[in-house]
């Protein structure tokens, strides 16, 4: 009787353990689904590079309609100047990017009148993780982005606000012809690709 009772106890404990693991798995799955469900496709960017190294990025909204373009060129000193235009070709702003001796990349954004609207400073650590800190025209922090590239060359960027809360992400990949496509996601349907 003692052996039978012991076997029953072990069997019941095993059933409880399995049920607990199953419930935990289901809960984790539900949390993951809920987390993914709150992110929406808010647009994409497609970048091509010509023979002279000039980059042209075409931005589209979630419906595939072109919302603007960004054209970049790099001078002899390594400074990259990007001109942003709306869907009608009107210049709406510029960005100037340079990298210092320590590997910090600084991008300054300006509106169509030349007024500084914000900056972004990027650094890459030993493990290849790139961290970009954003600030407004007054120098106050507005958020952070962290990027990692996997074995297949796909770069995933997570965007966080000033409080560290994740509000969106971007996924970039480059095809055989060198065309880079970036898909943007946000937890707010009102966001567009210019948020990035």
C-alpha atoms as a PDB file:
ATOM      1  CA  UNK A   1       0.000   0.000   0.000  1.00  0.00           C
ATOM      2  CA  UNK A   2       2.864   2.354   0.844  1.00  0.00           C
ATOM      3  CA  UNK A   3       4.494   1.826  -2.539  1.00  0.00           C
ATOM      4  CA  UNK A   4       1.193   2.312  -4.373  1.00  0.00           C
ATOM      5  CA  UNK A   5       0.464   5.498  -2.431  1.00  0.00           C
ATOM      6  CA  UNK A   6       3.985   6.783  -3.170  1.00  0.00           C
ATOM      7  CA  UNK A   7       3.548   6.100  -6.883  1.00  0.00           C
ATOM      8  CA  UNK A   8       0.209   7.935  -6.831  1.00  0.00           C
ATOM      9  CA  UNK A   9       1.818  10.916  -5.089  1.00  0.00           C
ATOM     10  CA  UNK A  10       4.678  11.018  -7.621  1.00  0.00           C
ATOM     11  CA  UNK A  11       2.185  10.735 -10.479  1.00  0.00           C
ATOM     12  CA  UNK A  12       0.082  13.582  -9.095  1.00  0.00           C
ATOM     13  CA  UNK A  13       3.160  15.767  -8.555  1.00  0.00           C
ATOM     14  CA  UNK A  14       4.293  15.069 -12.117  1.00  0.00           C
ATOM     15  CA  UNK A  15       0.856  16.010 -13.439  1.00  0.00           C
ATOM     16  CA  UNK A  16       0.908  19.237 -11.434  1.00  0.00           C
ATOM     17  CA  UNK A  17       4.385  20.097 -12.724  1.00  0.00           C
ATOM     18  CA  UNK A  18       3.351  19.469 -16.326  1.00  0.00           C
ATOM     19  CA  UNK A  19       0.185  21.523 -15.893  1.00  0.00           C
ATOM     20  CA  UNK A  20       2.145  24.404 -14.344  1.00  0.00           C
ATOM     21  CA  UNK A  21       4.649  24.392 -17.217  1.00  0.00           C
ATOM     22  CA  UNK A  22       1.808  24.226 -19.731  1.00  0.00           C
ATOM     23  CA  UNK A  23       0.022  27.161 -18.108  1.00  0.00           C
ATOM     24  CA  UNK A  24       3.235  29.186 -17.976  1.00  0.00           C
ATOM     25  CA  UNK A  25       3.860  28.467 -21.662  1.00  0.00           C
ATOM     26  CA  UNK A  26       0.321  29.489 -22.573  1.00  0.00           C
ATOM     27  CA  UNK A  27       0.596  32.671 -20.510  1.00  0.00           C
ATOM     28  CA  UNK A  28       3.923  33.552 -22.106  1.00  0.00           C
ATOM     29  CA  UNK A  29       2.392  32.962 -25.518  1.00  0.00           C
ATOM     30  CA  UNK A  30      -0.583  35.175 -24.711  1.00  0.00           C
ATOM     31  CA  UNK A  31       1.707  37.932 -23.436  1.00  0.00           C
ATOM     32  CA  UNK A  32       3.808  37.691 -26.588  1.00  0.00           C
ATOM     33  CA  UNK A  33       0.713  37.854 -28.780  1.00  0.00           C
ATOM     34  CA  UNK A  34      -0.595  40.826 -26.854  1.00  0.00           C
ATOM     35  CA  UNK A  35       2.759  42.586 -27.130  1.00  0.00           C
ATOM     36  CA  UNK A  36       2.941  41.988 -30.875  1.00  0.00           C
ATOM     37  CA  UNK A  37      -0.698  42.945 -31.407  1.00  0.00           C
ATOM     38  CA  UNK A  38      -0.122  46.496 -30.232  1.00  0.00           C
ATOM     39  CA  UNK A  39       2.396  47.273 -32.980  1.00  0.00           C
ATOM     40  CA  UNK A  40       1.177  48.463 -36.350  1.00  0.00           C
ATOM     41  CA  UNK A  41       2.842  48.793 -39.715  1.00  0.00           C
ATOM     42  CA  UNK A  42       3.179  52.549 -40.188  1.00  0.00           C
ATOM     43  CA  UNK A  43       5.335  52.650 -43.302  1.00  0.00           C
ATOM     44  CA  UNK A  44       8.505  51.614 -45.045  1.00  0.00           C
ATOM     45  CA  UNK A  45      11.682  53.083 -46.499  1.00  0.00           C
ATOM     46  CA  UNK A  46      13.545  51.831 -49.564  1.00  0.00           C
ATOM     47  CA  UNK A  47      17.149  52.946 -50.111  1.00  0.00           C
ATOM     48  CA  UNK A  48      19.243  52.626 -53.259  1.00  0.00           C
ATOM     49  CA  UNK A  49      22.822  53.754 -53.891  1.00  0.00           C
ATOM     50  CA  UNK A  50      24.072  54.941 -57.269  1.00  0.00           C
ATOM     51  CA  UNK A  51      27.496  54.560 -58.865  1.00  0.00           C
ATOM     52  CA  UNK A  52      28.779  57.741 -57.178  1.00  0.00           C
ATOM     53  CA  UNK A  53      27.732  56.666 -53.696  1.00  0.00           C
ATOM     54  CA  UNK A  54      24.672  58.916 -53.496  1.00  0.00           C
ATOM     55  CA  UNK A  55      21.820  57.354 -51.555  1.00  0.00           C
ATOM     56  CA  UNK A  56      18.151  57.903 -52.326  1.00  0.00           C
ATOM     57  CA  UNK A  57      15.514  56.775 -49.842  1.00  0.00           C
ATOM     58  CA  UNK A  58      11.858  56.646 -50.797  1.00  0.00           C
ATOM     59  CA  UNK A  59       9.445  56.715 -47.867  1.00  0.00           C
ATOM     60  CA  UNK A  60       5.971  55.204 -48.035  1.00  0.00           C
ATOM     61  CA  UNK A  61       3.053  55.090 -45.623  1.00  0.00           C
ATOM     62  CA  UNK A  62       1.322  51.898 -44.511  1.00  0.00           C
ATOM     63  CA  UNK A  63      -0.777  51.927 -47.679  1.00  0.00           C
ATOM     64  CA  UNK A  64       2.294  51.979 -49.918  1.00  0.00           C
ATOM     65  CA  UNK A  65       1.810  55.590 -51.014  1.00  0.00           C
ATOM     66  CA  UNK A  66       4.983  57.682 -51.315  1.00  0.00           C
ATOM     67  CA  UNK A  67       5.184  60.331 -48.599  1.00  0.00           C
ATOM     68  CA  UNK A  68       8.629  61.724 -49.322  1.00  0.00           C
ATOM     69  CA  UNK A  69      12.254  61.142 -50.218  1.00  0.00           C
ATOM     70  CA  UNK A  70      15.662  61.626 -48.631  1.00  0.00           C
ATOM     71  CA  UNK A  71      18.766  62.112 -50.783  1.00  0.00           C
ATOM     72  CA  UNK A  72      22.237  61.764 -49.241  1.00  0.00           C
ATOM     73  CA  UNK A  73      25.751  62.504 -50.448  1.00  0.00           C
ATOM     74  CA  UNK A  74      29.097  62.367 -48.640  1.00  0.00           C
ATOM     75  CA  UNK A  75      31.881  64.900 -49.182  1.00  0.00           C
ATOM     76  CA  UNK A  76      35.647  64.485 -49.159  1.00  0.00           C
ATOM     77  CA  UNK A  77      35.813  64.955 -45.367  1.00  0.00           C
ATOM     78  CA  UNK A  78      33.266  62.230 -44.655  1.00  0.00           C
ATOM     79  CA  UNK A  79      30.373  64.540 -43.816  1.00  0.00           C
ATOM     80  CA  UNK A  80      27.048  63.268 -45.125  1.00  0.00           C
ATOM     81  CA  UNK A  81      24.355  65.771 -46.052  1.00  0.00           C
ATOM     82  CA  UNK A  82      20.796  64.529 -46.481  1.00  0.00           C
ATOM     83  CA  UNK A  83      17.990  66.567 -48.036  1.00  0.00           C
ATOM     84  CA  UNK A  84      14.434  65.603 -47.124  1.00  0.00           C
ATOM     85  CA  UNK A  85      11.555  66.332 -49.497  1.00  0.00           C
ATOM     86  CA  UNK A  86       7.820  65.777 -49.312  1.00  0.00           C
ATOM     87  CA  UNK A  87       5.811  63.883 -51.891  1.00  0.00           C
ATOM     88  CA  UNK A  88       5.665  66.967 -54.108  1.00  0.00           C
ATOM     89  CA  UNK A  89       9.429  67.478 -54.119  1.00  0.00           C
ATOM     90  CA  UNK A  90       9.450  70.447 -51.741  1.00  0.00           C
ATOM     91  CA  UNK A  91      12.405  70.554 -49.344  1.00  0.00           C
ATOM     92  CA  UNK A  92      11.198  70.146 -45.771  1.00  0.00           C
ATOM     93  CA  UNK A  93      14.548  69.818 -44.007  1.00  0.00           C
ATOM     94  CA  UNK A  94      18.130  68.612 -43.989  1.00  0.00           C
ATOM     95  CA  UNK A  95      20.348  66.376 -41.869  1.00  0.00           C
ATOM     96  CA  UNK A  96      24.130  66.613 -41.517  1.00  0.00           C
ATOM     97  CA  UNK A  97      26.052  63.580 -40.255  1.00  0.00           C
ATOM     98  CA  UNK A  98      29.691  63.320 -39.204  1.00  0.00           C
ATOM     99  CA  UNK A  99      31.796  60.883 -37.183  1.00  0.00           C
ATOM    100  CA  UNK A 100      34.497  61.954 -34.758  1.00  0.00           C
ATOM    101  CA  UNK A 101      37.802  60.354 -33.838  1.00  0.00           C
ATOM    102  CA  UNK A 102      36.190  58.194 -31.147  1.00  0.00           C
ATOM    103  CA  UNK A 103      33.596  56.724 -33.499  1.00  0.00           C
ATOM    104  CA  UNK A 104      30.657  58.787 -32.264  1.00  0.00           C
ATOM    105  CA  UNK A 105      28.319  59.688 -35.109  1.00  0.00           C
ATOM    106  CA  UNK A 106      26.403  62.932 -34.715  1.00  0.00           C
ATOM    107  CA  UNK A 107      23.471  63.916 -36.915  1.00  0.00           C
ATOM    108  CA  UNK A 108      22.002  67.413 -36.773  1.00  0.00           C
ATOM    109  CA  UNK A 109      18.513  67.923 -38.155  1.00  0.00           C
ATOM    110  CA  UNK A 110      17.319  71.275 -39.488  1.00  0.00           C
ATOM    111  CA  UNK A 111      14.032  72.497 -40.881  1.00  0.00           C
ATOM    112  CA  UNK A 112      13.577  74.130 -44.288  1.00  0.00           C
ATOM    113  CA  UNK A 113      14.709  77.459 -42.846  1.00  0.00           C
ATOM    114  CA  UNK A 114      17.938  76.095 -41.410  1.00  0.00           C
ATOM    115  CA  UNK A 115      16.823  76.075 -37.782  1.00  0.00           C
ATOM    116  CA  UNK A 116      18.104  73.137 -35.727  1.00  0.00           C
ATOM    117  CA  UNK A 117      15.237  70.857 -34.726  1.00  0.00           C
ATOM    118  CA  UNK A 118      17.199  68.108 -33.005  1.00  0.00           C
ATOM    119  CA  UNK A 119      20.274  65.919 -32.887  1.00  0.00           C
ATOM    120  CA  UNK A 120      21.088  62.218 -32.771  1.00  0.00           C
ATOM    121  CA  UNK A 121      24.313  60.735 -31.383  1.00  0.00           C
ATOM    122  CA  UNK A 122      25.233  57.120 -32.102  1.00  0.00           C
ATOM    123  CA  UNK A 123      27.821  54.762 -30.657  1.00  0.00           C
ATOM    124  CA  UNK A 124      28.505  51.094 -31.305  1.00  0.00           C
ATOM    125  CA  UNK A 125      29.731  48.847 -28.512  1.00  0.00           C
ATOM    126  CA  UNK A 126      32.077  45.863 -28.593  1.00  0.00           C
ATOM    127  CA  UNK A 127      29.212  43.483 -29.350  1.00  0.00           C
ATOM    128  CA  UNK A 128      27.990  45.439 -32.363  1.00  0.00           C
ATOM    129  CA  UNK A 129      24.975  47.015 -30.673  1.00  0.00           C
ATOM    130  CA  UNK A 130      24.409  50.541 -31.913  1.00  0.00           C
ATOM    131  CA  UNK A 131      22.781  52.983 -29.484  1.00  0.00           C
ATOM    132  CA  UNK A 132      21.406  56.309 -30.682  1.00  0.00           C
ATOM    133  CA  UNK A 133      20.369  59.044 -28.255  1.00  0.00           C
ATOM    134  CA  UNK A 134      18.011  61.736 -29.534  1.00  0.00           C
ATOM    135  CA  UNK A 135      17.581  65.264 -28.239  1.00  0.00           C
ATOM    136  CA  UNK A 136      15.457  68.238 -29.236  1.00  0.00           C
ATOM    137  CA  UNK A 137      16.590  71.699 -30.310  1.00  0.00           C
ATOM    138  CA  UNK A 138      17.153  72.654 -26.652  1.00  0.00           C
ATOM    139  CA  UNK A 139      19.323  69.626 -25.919  1.00  0.00           C
ATOM    140  CA  UNK A 140      16.732  67.734 -23.900  1.00  0.00           C
ATOM    141  CA  UNK A 141      16.605  63.976 -24.366  1.00  0.00           C
ATOM    142  CA  UNK A 142      13.645  62.722 -26.395  1.00  0.00           C
ATOM    143  CA  UNK A 143      14.424  59.018 -26.681  1.00  0.00           C
ATOM    144  CA  UNK A 144      16.795  56.224 -27.597  1.00  0.00           C
ATOM    145  CA  UNK A 145      17.138  53.609 -30.327  1.00  0.00           C
ATOM    146  CA  UNK A 146      19.115  50.366 -30.127  1.00  0.00           C
ATOM    147  CA  UNK A 147      20.071  48.326 -33.175  1.00  0.00           C
ATOM    148  CA  UNK A 148      21.377  44.798 -33.593  1.00  0.00           C
ATOM    149  CA  UNK A 149      22.219  42.869 -36.746  1.00  0.00           C
ATOM    150  CA  UNK A 150      21.717  39.121 -36.872  1.00  0.00           C
ATOM    151  CA  UNK A 151      23.664  36.424 -38.698  1.00  0.00           C
ATOM    152  CA  UNK A 152      21.606  36.933 -41.867  1.00  0.00           C
ATOM    153  CA  UNK A 153      22.250  40.673 -42.037  1.00  0.00           C
ATOM    154  CA  UNK A 154      18.828  41.763 -40.815  1.00  0.00           C
ATOM    155  CA  UNK A 155      19.005  44.790 -38.540  1.00  0.00           C
ATOM    156  CA  UNK A 156      16.345  45.234 -35.883  1.00  0.00           C
ATOM    157  CA  UNK A 157      16.021  48.599 -34.161  1.00  0.00           C
ATOM    158  CA  UNK A 158      13.954  49.215 -31.042  1.00  0.00           C
ATOM    159  CA  UNK A 159      12.748  52.757 -30.344  1.00  0.00           C
ATOM    160  CA  UNK A 160      12.139  53.979 -26.798  1.00  0.00           C
ATOM    161  CA  UNK A 161      10.854  57.259 -25.429  1.00  0.00           C
ATOM    162  CA  UNK A 162      12.605  59.385 -22.815  1.00  0.00           C
ATOM    163  CA  UNK A 163      11.143  57.196 -20.045  1.00  0.00           C
ATOM    164  CA  UNK A 164      12.494  53.988 -21.552  1.00  0.00           C
ATOM    165  CA  UNK A 165       9.142  52.763 -22.827  1.00  0.00           C
ATOM    166  CA  UNK A 166       9.268  50.986 -26.174  1.00  0.00           C
ATOM    167  CA  UNK A 167       6.929  52.614 -28.696  1.00  0.00           C
ATOM    168  CA  UNK A 168       8.129  51.191 -32.000  1.00  0.00           C
ATOM    169  CA  UNK A 169      10.659  49.252 -34.007  1.00  0.00           C
ATOM    170  CA  UNK A 170      12.263  49.051 -37.441  1.00  0.00           C
ATOM    171  CA  UNK A 171      13.524  46.041 -39.371  1.00  0.00           C
ATOM    172  CA  UNK A 172      16.035  46.492 -42.203  1.00  0.00           C
ATOM    173  CA  UNK A 173      17.426  44.079 -44.749  1.00  0.00           C
ATOM    174  CA  UNK A 174      19.452  44.435 -47.951  1.00  0.00           C
ATOM    175  CA  UNK A 175      18.850  42.373 -51.070  1.00  0.00           C
ATOM    176  CA  UNK A 176      21.294  40.984 -53.610  1.00  0.00           C
ATOM    177  CA  UNK A 177      21.255  44.237 -55.607  1.00  0.00           C
ATOM    178  CA  UNK A 178      22.136  46.413 -52.620  1.00  0.00           C
ATOM    179  CA  UNK A 179      18.652  47.829 -52.102  1.00  0.00           C
ATOM    180  CA  UNK A 180      17.867  48.287 -48.427  1.00  0.00           C
ATOM    181  CA  UNK A 181      14.272  47.984 -47.271  1.00  0.00           C
ATOM    182  CA  UNK A 182      13.202  49.101 -43.806  1.00  0.00           C
ATOM    183  CA  UNK A 183       9.809  48.317 -42.321  1.00  0.00           C
ATOM    184  CA  UNK A 184       8.568  50.582 -39.526  1.00  0.00           C
ATOM    185  CA  UNK A 185       6.222  49.599 -36.707  1.00  0.00           C
ATOM    186  CA  UNK A 186       4.626  51.644 -33.947  1.00  0.00           C
ATOM    187  CA  UNK A 187       2.102  51.213 -31.160  1.00  0.00           C
ATOM    188  CA  UNK A 188       0.378  54.350 -32.479  1.00  0.00           C
ATOM    189  CA  UNK A 189      -1.378  54.258 -35.847  1.00  0.00           C
ATOM    190  CA  UNK A 190      -1.038  58.046 -36.107  1.00  0.00           C
ATOM    191  CA  UNK A 191       2.754  57.766 -36.377  1.00  0.00           C
ATOM    192  CA  UNK A 192       4.396  57.923 -39.783  1.00  0.00           C
ATOM    193  CA  UNK A 193       7.868  57.218 -41.113  1.00  0.00           C
ATOM    194  CA  UNK A 194       9.048  60.763 -40.344  1.00  0.00           C
ATOM    195  CA  UNK A 195       8.939  59.762 -36.664  1.00  0.00           C
ATOM    196  CA  UNK A 196      12.187  57.979 -37.351  1.00  0.00           C
END
